[in-house]
Structure formats: C-alpha cells, structure tokens
Protein backbone atom coordinates (compact mmCIF):
# COMPACT_ATOMS: atom_id res chain seq x y z
CA UNK A 1 -3.46 6.95 12.96
CA UNK A 2 -4.43 6.64 9.32
CA UNK A 3 -2.84 3.74 7.46
CA UNK A 4 -0.59 4.37 4.47
CA UNK A 5 -1.36 2.74 1.12
CA UNK A 6 0.86 -0.12 0.01
CA UNK A 7 3.67 0.73 -2.42
CA UNK A 8 2.78 0.41 -6.12
CA UNK A 9 6.22 -0.52 -7.44
CA UNK A 10 9.62 -1.87 -6.47
CA UNK A 11 11.02 1.67 -6.45
CA UNK A 12 8.18 2.78 -4.15
CA UNK A 13 8.99 -0.13 -1.83
CA UNK A 14 12.68 0.77 -1.70
CA UNK A 15 11.74 4.40 -1.03
CA UNK A 16 9.36 3.33 1.74
CA UNK A 17 12.15 1.42 3.47
CA UNK A 18 14.62 4.27 2.92
CA UNK A 19 12.18 6.71 4.53
CA UNK A 20 12.80 4.81 7.78
CA UNK A 21 16.57 4.66 7.14
CA UNK A 22 16.51 1.02 6.05
CA UNK A 23 18.95 0.64 3.16
CA UNK A 24 17.72 -2.32 1.08
CA UNK A 25 19.26 -3.86 -1.99
CA UNK A 26 16.90 -4.04 -4.97
CA UNK A 27 16.38 -7.80 -4.73
CA UNK A 28 15.03 -7.41 -1.19
CA UNK A 29 12.78 -4.52 -2.24
CA UNK A 30 11.50 -6.73 -5.08
CA UNK A 31 10.74 -9.65 -2.76
CA UNK A 32 8.95 -7.38 -0.32
CA UNK A 33 6.92 -5.65 -3.04
CA UNK A 34 5.78 -9.03 -4.40
CA UNK A 35 4.89 -10.29 -0.93
CA UNK A 36 2.73 -7.22 -0.33
CA UNK A 37 1.10 -7.32 -3.77
CA UNK A 38 0.44 -11.08 -3.77
CA UNK A 39 -0.54 -11.17 -0.06
CA UNK A 40 2.03 -13.87 0.60
CA UNK A 41 4.24 -14.28 3.69
CA UNK A 42 7.86 -13.25 3.20
CA UNK A 43 10.39 -15.72 4.60
CA UNK A 44 13.72 -14.06 5.39
CA UNK A 45 16.80 -16.13 6.16
CA UNK A 46 20.26 -14.89 7.01
CA UNK A 47 22.83 -14.53 9.74
CA UNK A 48 21.87 -12.82 12.98
CA UNK A 49 22.19 -9.04 12.94
CA UNK A 50 21.73 -8.42 9.21
CA UNK A 51 18.39 -6.60 9.57
CA UNK A 52 15.69 -9.25 9.06
CA UNK A 53 13.58 -8.35 12.09
CA UNK A 54 13.98 -4.65 11.37
CA UNK A 55 12.09 -5.04 8.08
CA UNK A 56 8.87 -5.91 9.91
CA UNK A 57 9.33 -3.01 12.31
CA UNK A 58 9.96 -0.61 9.44
CA UNK A 59 6.89 -1.85 7.57
CA UNK A 60 4.69 -1.36 10.61
CA UNK A 61 5.95 2.17 11.24
CA UNK A 62 5.93 3.37 7.62
CA UNK A 63 2.57 1.80 6.72
CA UNK A 64 1.05 2.88 10.05
CA UNK A 65 0.07 -0.67 10.90
CA UNK A 66 -0.05 -2.47 14.23
CA UNK A 67 2.96 -4.75 14.76
CA UNK A 68 2.19 -8.16 16.24
CA UNK A 69 5.37 -10.02 17.17
CA UNK A 70 5.67 -13.71 17.93
CA UNK A 71 9.14 -14.36 19.34
CA UNK A 72 9.86 -18.04 18.81
CA UNK A 73 11.70 -20.32 21.21
CA UNK A 74 12.12 -24.02 21.88
CA UNK A 75 8.92 -25.48 23.32
CA UNK A 76 6.63 -22.76 21.95
CA UNK A 77 3.09 -24.16 21.92
CA UNK A 78 -0.43 -23.16 20.91
CA UNK A 79 -1.31 -21.70 24.32
CA UNK A 80 1.59 -19.23 24.03
CA UNK A 81 1.37 -18.54 20.30
CA UNK A 82 -2.34 -18.73 19.40
CA UNK A 83 -4.79 -18.78 22.30
CA UNK A 84 -5.68 -20.20 25.67
CA UNK A 85 -8.74 -20.15 27.88
CA UNK A 86 -8.85 -17.93 30.94
CA UNK A 87 -9.30 -20.76 33.42
CA UNK A 88 -9.38 -18.60 36.59
CA UNK A 89 -12.22 -16.49 35.16
CA UNK A 90 -14.03 -19.61 33.99
CA UNK A 91 -13.82 -21.10 37.49
CA UNK A 92 -15.16 -17.89 39.02
CA UNK A 93 -18.05 -17.92 36.54
CA UNK A 94 -18.85 -21.52 37.47
CA UNK A 95 -18.77 -20.73 41.21
CA UNK A 96 -21.01 -17.69 40.73
CA UNK A 97 -23.49 -19.74 38.70
CA UNK A 98 -23.54 -22.46 41.36
CA UNK A 99 -24.05 -19.88 44.12
CA UNK A 100 -26.94 -18.34 42.21
CA UNK A 101 -28.51 -21.74 41.61
CA UNK A 102 -28.11 -21.42 37.82
CA UNK A 103 -25.75 -24.30 37.22
CA UNK A 104 -27.28 -25.47 33.94
CA UNK A 105 -24.30 -27.51 32.75
CA UNK A 106 -25.03 -27.31 29.05
CA UNK A 107 -25.65 -23.58 29.01
CA UNK A 108 -22.80 -22.90 31.42
CA UNK A 109 -20.44 -24.91 29.23
CA UNK A 110 -21.40 -22.77 26.24
CA UNK A 111 -21.03 -19.56 28.22
CA UNK A 112 -17.57 -20.18 29.65
CA UNK A 113 -16.19 -21.26 26.27
CA UNK A 114 -17.14 -18.00 24.58
CA UNK A 115 -14.93 -15.23 23.21
CA UNK A 116 -15.28 -13.39 26.54
CA UNK A 117 -13.03 -15.97 28.20
CA UNK A 118 -10.54 -16.34 25.34
CA UNK A 119 -7.00 -15.02 25.79
CA UNK A 120 -5.70 -14.08 22.35
CA UNK A 121 -2.03 -14.68 21.69
CA UNK A 122 -0.05 -13.17 18.75
CA UNK A 123 -1.22 -15.44 15.92
CA UNK A 124 -4.88 -14.94 16.80
CA UNK A 125 -4.37 -11.20 17.36
CA UNK A 126 -2.86 -10.95 13.87
CA UNK A 127 -6.10 -12.17 12.29
CA UNK A 128 -7.97 -9.14 13.62
CA UNK A 129 -7.92 -5.88 11.69
CA UNK A 130 -7.45 -2.61 13.54
CA UNK A 131 -10.30 -0.16 14.09
CA UNK A 132 -9.44 1.56 10.79
CA UNK A 133 -9.70 -1.76 8.95
CA UNK A 134 -5.95 -2.15 8.41
CA UNK A 135 -4.47 -5.61 8.70
CA UNK A 136 -1.50 -5.72 11.08
CA UNK A 137 2.09 -6.70 10.38
CA UNK A 138 2.76 -10.14 11.85
CA UNK A 139 6.40 -10.85 12.68
CA UNK A 140 7.19 -14.52 13.36
CA UNK A 141 10.74 -14.03 14.59
CA UNK A 142 13.44 -16.73 14.60
CA UNK A 143 11.19 -19.60 13.53
CA UNK A 144 14.22 -21.92 13.54
CA UNK A 145 14.18 -21.84 17.35
CA UNK A 146 10.84 -23.66 17.53
CA UNK A 147 10.07 -27.37 17.19
CA UNK A 148 8.78 -29.04 14.03
CA UNK A 149 5.24 -29.67 15.43
CA UNK A 150 4.76 -25.91 15.73
CA UNK A 151 5.84 -25.48 12.12
CA UNK A 152 3.13 -27.96 11.14
CA UNK A 153 0.53 -25.93 13.03
CA UNK A 154 1.60 -22.80 11.15
CA UNK A 155 0.54 -24.31 7.83
CA UNK A 156 -3.14 -23.54 8.39
CA UNK A 157 -2.36 -19.98 9.45
CA UNK A 158 -0.09 -19.30 6.47
CA UNK A 159 -2.33 -21.03 3.91
CA UNK A 160 -5.74 -19.67 4.82
CA UNK A 161 -5.05 -17.02 7.45
CA UNK A 162 -7.24 -18.81 9.91
CA UNK A 163 -7.04 -20.79 13.14
CA UNK A 164 -9.34 -23.51 14.41
CA UNK A 165 -10.56 -23.44 18.01
CA UNK A 166 -12.54 -26.60 18.87
CA UNK A 167 -14.93 -24.83 21.25
CA UNK A 168 -15.60 -21.86 18.94
CA UNK A 169 -14.91 -23.07 15.41
CA UNK A 170 -12.74 -21.49 12.75
CA UNK A 171 -11.64 -17.87 13.03
CA UNK A 172 -10.58 -16.38 9.69
CA UNK A 173 -9.04 -13.01 8.93
CA UNK A 174 -11.16 -10.59 6.90
CA UNK A 175 -7.91 -9.13 5.56
CA UNK A 176 -4.68 -11.16 5.53
CA UNK A 177 -1.98 -9.74 7.79
CA UNK A 178 1.37 -8.74 6.32
CA UNK A 179 3.53 -11.67 7.43
CA UNK A 180 7.30 -11.54 7.88
CA UNK A 181 9.02 -14.75 9.02
CA UNK A 182 12.68 -14.74 9.99
CA UNK A 183 15.19 -17.52 10.52
CA UNK A 184 18.86 -17.48 11.51
CA UNK A 185 19.15 -20.93 9.94
CA UNK A 186 20.27 -22.74 13.07
CA UNK A 187 18.24 -25.58 11.54
CA UNK A 188 16.36 -26.12 8.29
CA UNK A 189 12.72 -25.07 8.12
CA UNK A 190 10.35 -27.60 6.55
CA UNK A 191 9.65 -27.20 2.83
CA UNK A 192 5.90 -27.10 3.48
CA UNK A 193 6.31 -23.79 5.34
CA UNK A 194 8.65 -22.33 2.72
CA UNK A 195 6.28 -23.25 -0.12
CA UNK A 196 3.66 -20.96 1.35
CA UNK A 197 6.05 -18.02 1.37
CA UNK A 198 8.18 -15.92 -0.88
CA UNK A 199 11.83 -16.38 0.07
CA UNK A 200 14.79 -14.04 0.36
CA UNK A 201 18.28 -14.53 1.77
CA UNK A 202 19.42 -11.38 3.61
CA UNK A 203 23.19 -11.23 3.25
CA UNK A 204 25.84 -9.04 4.80
CA UNK A 205 25.97 -5.68 2.99
CA UNK A 206 28.85 -4.69 0.77
CA UNK A 207 31.05 -1.80 1.85
CA UNK A 208 29.09 0.91 0.03
CA UNK A 209 25.75 -0.15 1.47
CA UNK A 210 27.16 -0.61 4.98
CA UNK A 211 28.64 2.88 4.85
CA UNK A 212 25.24 4.23 3.77
CA UNK A 213 23.65 2.39 6.71
CA UNK A 214 26.17 3.87 9.15
CA UNK A 215 25.58 7.38 7.84
CA UNK A 216 21.87 6.93 8.57
CA UNK A 217 22.07 5.02 11.85
CA UNK A 218 25.07 6.81 13.35
CA UNK A 219 25.03 10.23 11.70
CA UNK A 220 27.18 11.76 14.41
CA UNK A 221 30.21 9.64 13.54
CA UNK A 222 33.13 11.34 11.82
CA UNK A 223 33.32 10.44 8.14
CA UNK A 224 36.84 9.05 8.46
CA UNK A 225 35.81 6.94 11.44
CA UNK A 226 32.85 5.51 9.48
CA UNK A 227 35.07 4.68 6.52
CA UNK A 228 37.61 2.92 8.74
CA UNK A 229 34.96 1.00 10.66
CA UNK A 230 33.32 -0.32 7.50
CA UNK A 231 36.65 -1.30 5.95
CA UNK A 232 37.72 -3.04 9.18
CA UNK A 233 34.43 -4.96 9.56
CA UNK A 234 34.45 -5.98 5.89
CA UNK A 235 37.88 -7.54 6.45
CA UNK A 236 36.73 -9.30 9.62
CA UNK A 237 33.93 -10.99 7.64
CA UNK A 238 36.55 -12.63 5.42
CA UNK A 239 38.14 -14.32 8.45
CA UNK A 240 37.26 -17.76 9.79
CA UNK A 241 35.51 -16.55 12.95
CA UNK A 242 32.92 -18.44 14.99
CA UNK A 243 30.42 -15.57 14.60
CA UNK A 244 30.95 -12.89 12.01
CA UNK A 245 29.78 -9.39 13.01
CA UNK A 246 26.46 -8.29 11.55
CA UNK A 247 25.27 -4.81 10.71
CA UNK A 248 23.84 -4.49 14.23
CA UNK A 249 27.33 -5.04 15.66
CA UNK A 250 28.82 -2.51 13.23
CA UNK A 251 26.35 0.09 14.49
CA UNK A 252 27.01 -0.86 18.14
CA UNK A 253 30.77 -0.55 17.65
CA UNK A 254 30.37 2.82 15.97
CA UNK A 255 28.24 4.11 18.84
CA UNK A 256 30.80 2.81 21.34
CA UNK A 257 33.63 4.57 19.54
CA UNK A 258 31.59 7.77 19.34
CA UNK A 259 31.03 7.56 23.10
CA UNK A 260 34.83 7.52 23.44
CA UNK A 261 35.07 10.62 21.21
CA UNK A 262 37.06 8.74 18.59
CA UNK A 263 37.56 10.46 15.26
CA UNK A 264 39.51 7.56 13.75
CA UNK A 265 40.65 4.04 14.68
CA UNK A 266 43.85 3.21 16.50
CA UNK A 267 45.18 -0.19 17.57
CA UNK A 268 44.77 0.46 21.30
CA UNK A 269 41.11 1.47 21.01
CA UNK A 270 40.32 -1.38 18.62
CA UNK A 271 41.71 -3.92 21.10
CA UNK A 272 39.78 -2.39 24.00
CA UNK A 273 36.42 -2.21 22.21
CA UNK A 274 36.30 -5.53 20.32
CA UNK A 275 33.63 -6.74 22.75
CA UNK A 276 31.16 -4.38 21.08
CA UNK A 277 31.84 -6.02 17.73
CA UNK A 278 32.62 -9.69 18.47
CA UNK A 279 30.61 -11.77 20.92
CA UNK A 280 32.83 -14.83 21.47
CA UNK A 281 36.08 -14.79 23.42
CA UNK A 282 37.82 -17.08 20.94
CA UNK A 283 37.06 -14.60 18.15
CA UNK A 284 38.24 -11.65 20.24
CA UNK A 285 41.43 -13.51 21.16
CA UNK A 286 42.14 -14.27 17.53
CA UNK A 287 41.71 -10.67 16.37
CA UNK A 288 43.20 -8.79 19.32
CA UNK A 289 46.85 -7.74 19.13
CA UNK A 290 48.94 -8.31 16.03
CA UNK A 291 45.98 -9.33 13.85
CA UNK A 292 44.09 -6.14 14.73
CA UNK A 293 47.20 -4.09 13.94
CA UNK A 294 47.57 -5.84 10.58
CA UNK A 295 43.94 -5.25 9.64
CA UNK A 296 44.11 -1.64 10.78
CA UNK A 297 47.23 -0.94 8.72
CA UNK A 298 45.49 -2.35 5.65
CA UNK A 299 42.47 -0.17 6.35
CA UNK A 300 44.57 2.99 6.76
CA UNK A 301 46.50 2.26 3.54
CA UNK A 302 43.27 1.60 1.59
CA UNK A 303 41.64 4.84 2.69
CA UNK A 304 44.81 6.87 2.12
CA UNK A 305 44.97 5.71 -1.52
CA UNK A 306 41.24 5.98 -2.20
C-alpha cells in the first residue's frame, strides 16, 4: 500500500476529507492542514459524537497510513500506553541460561533487557515508520478520561516525538507521526499539553452540513425523511437535555428509521425510536409524547413552506 502525499492546501485538505465522506467546515480543514504542514499534534475538543475520532480514521485511510489508536481511560499507565517488559519470556531466558551453565549476571541482564523482550504499546509503536517509510497516524482518544500524571508523561512524546526507556535509552521517531488528540471535555486538559498542539473545537453541524452528512452516510434514506430528521434533531439541540444528540446519533436514528421502511416521520414512530437518538431516560421522557408532537408539527410546517 503506497502512501498518499500530504495535501498542499486547505482546499486539498477539505477535498481529502470529503473523499472519505467526511464533511468538514473550512476552519477544521484549516486546522488540520496546518497540523500536517507544521508537524504539530491536533487537539480536538467537542461533545461526544460530533466526529472527532473519525478524523483520525479518515486521515489514515485516505493517506494510506497505519492507524495507531490509544484509547484512554482512568488509570492508564506507561505499561499499557508505552511499553512493558515481557517478564515470562525473560524468566524463561534466565532459566535456560542457568540450565546451560551460562548465568553470567551482567551479560544476562543486558540480554533480557533488549528490544527482543520489549512489548511495544501504542505510543512506542507510533514512533516507528512503516516499511514504506510512512509515519503512522496516532490517535490519542478521549484524553480527558486519563489522570493528570499521564498527561505529564505525554509532554516528552508530544514535544520531541520520543520516549525514554531506562534500560535501553531514548527512542526517537525518524519521522513524526500524525497526531490527533481528542477530548470530550469531561475535565480540563493541562495547558502544557495544549501548548504543544494546534487546537480546534468541533461543534455540532448546522442543518445544511448535517443534511450533507446524512446524504453521504445514509444515502438510502428518502430525501423527505432526511430533511425531517435533520430539522427535528436541530430543534432537540436547542432544548435543555442532559445529553444532546451528536451526528453519530443522527446517523443511527436514520438507519433505524430506514430499517422500519419509514419514508417520513410520524409521532408514533418518533416516540418508539427515541432510544436510537437519546441515551438517557430523563431526556427520552421529556421529549416523548406531547413535546415530540410539537416538534414534529414545527418540522412538517417548516418543510412544507421551504
């Protein structure tokens, strides 16, 4: 698989994303172009389901690069994110050396702490270029789920694209990986991390862009159904809900309605399928019934007069 050259302009970047059916506003295409050109990590914040993670996947597929994903979670540590030693293999090597009468402690210590016994986790894998010399795409997903000490460790990786292993020394990338960091902003990320990145807030799309997304991601949906879904979801996002639906939920709801052979929305079907769009019972309870009927009547009236 031969790698694709990096885009040479903002328009090229937008076209690259569009080729994989990712509809990006120009400000996002600009941030991504600059991150690629300046070899800087791109830090993407925004609500869940607005397409932050998808950007890294699209980059990897369109640029023909290997995708290395580090899914963050509370308690993530170096052994899970960077590297660890293969202790069972090391113990076997020690036992074999002892059995053969070659238990030279100094030499054995050097041998078992060599690259042969190193288990490479995502951050270390991302420092290695592929066989064709292409640097991979490194996705550090949902960084806000980790603890602050892990953020501090990331500083060396993001500043110099290197990691330090006491037994081996410093391992540095020949070519910096393309780094995409995402956060759902469940907590603030330290300024020291953000300073090493270019930043972009990924917002909910407006109606026109969301309709374009639906036409690409759910092309089998009837045009009227797509129009009604987008208008309905846009109204939901103006309500005081615990969790507003993202683009991912819009696509899920559309696919659910298509599976029911719906050509347009009706109050009964909306009430029965809200679980594909809203993920909290309190939100569903607030919308279901008279509120859904009110929103739907507004949607129908808007489309009829458009």
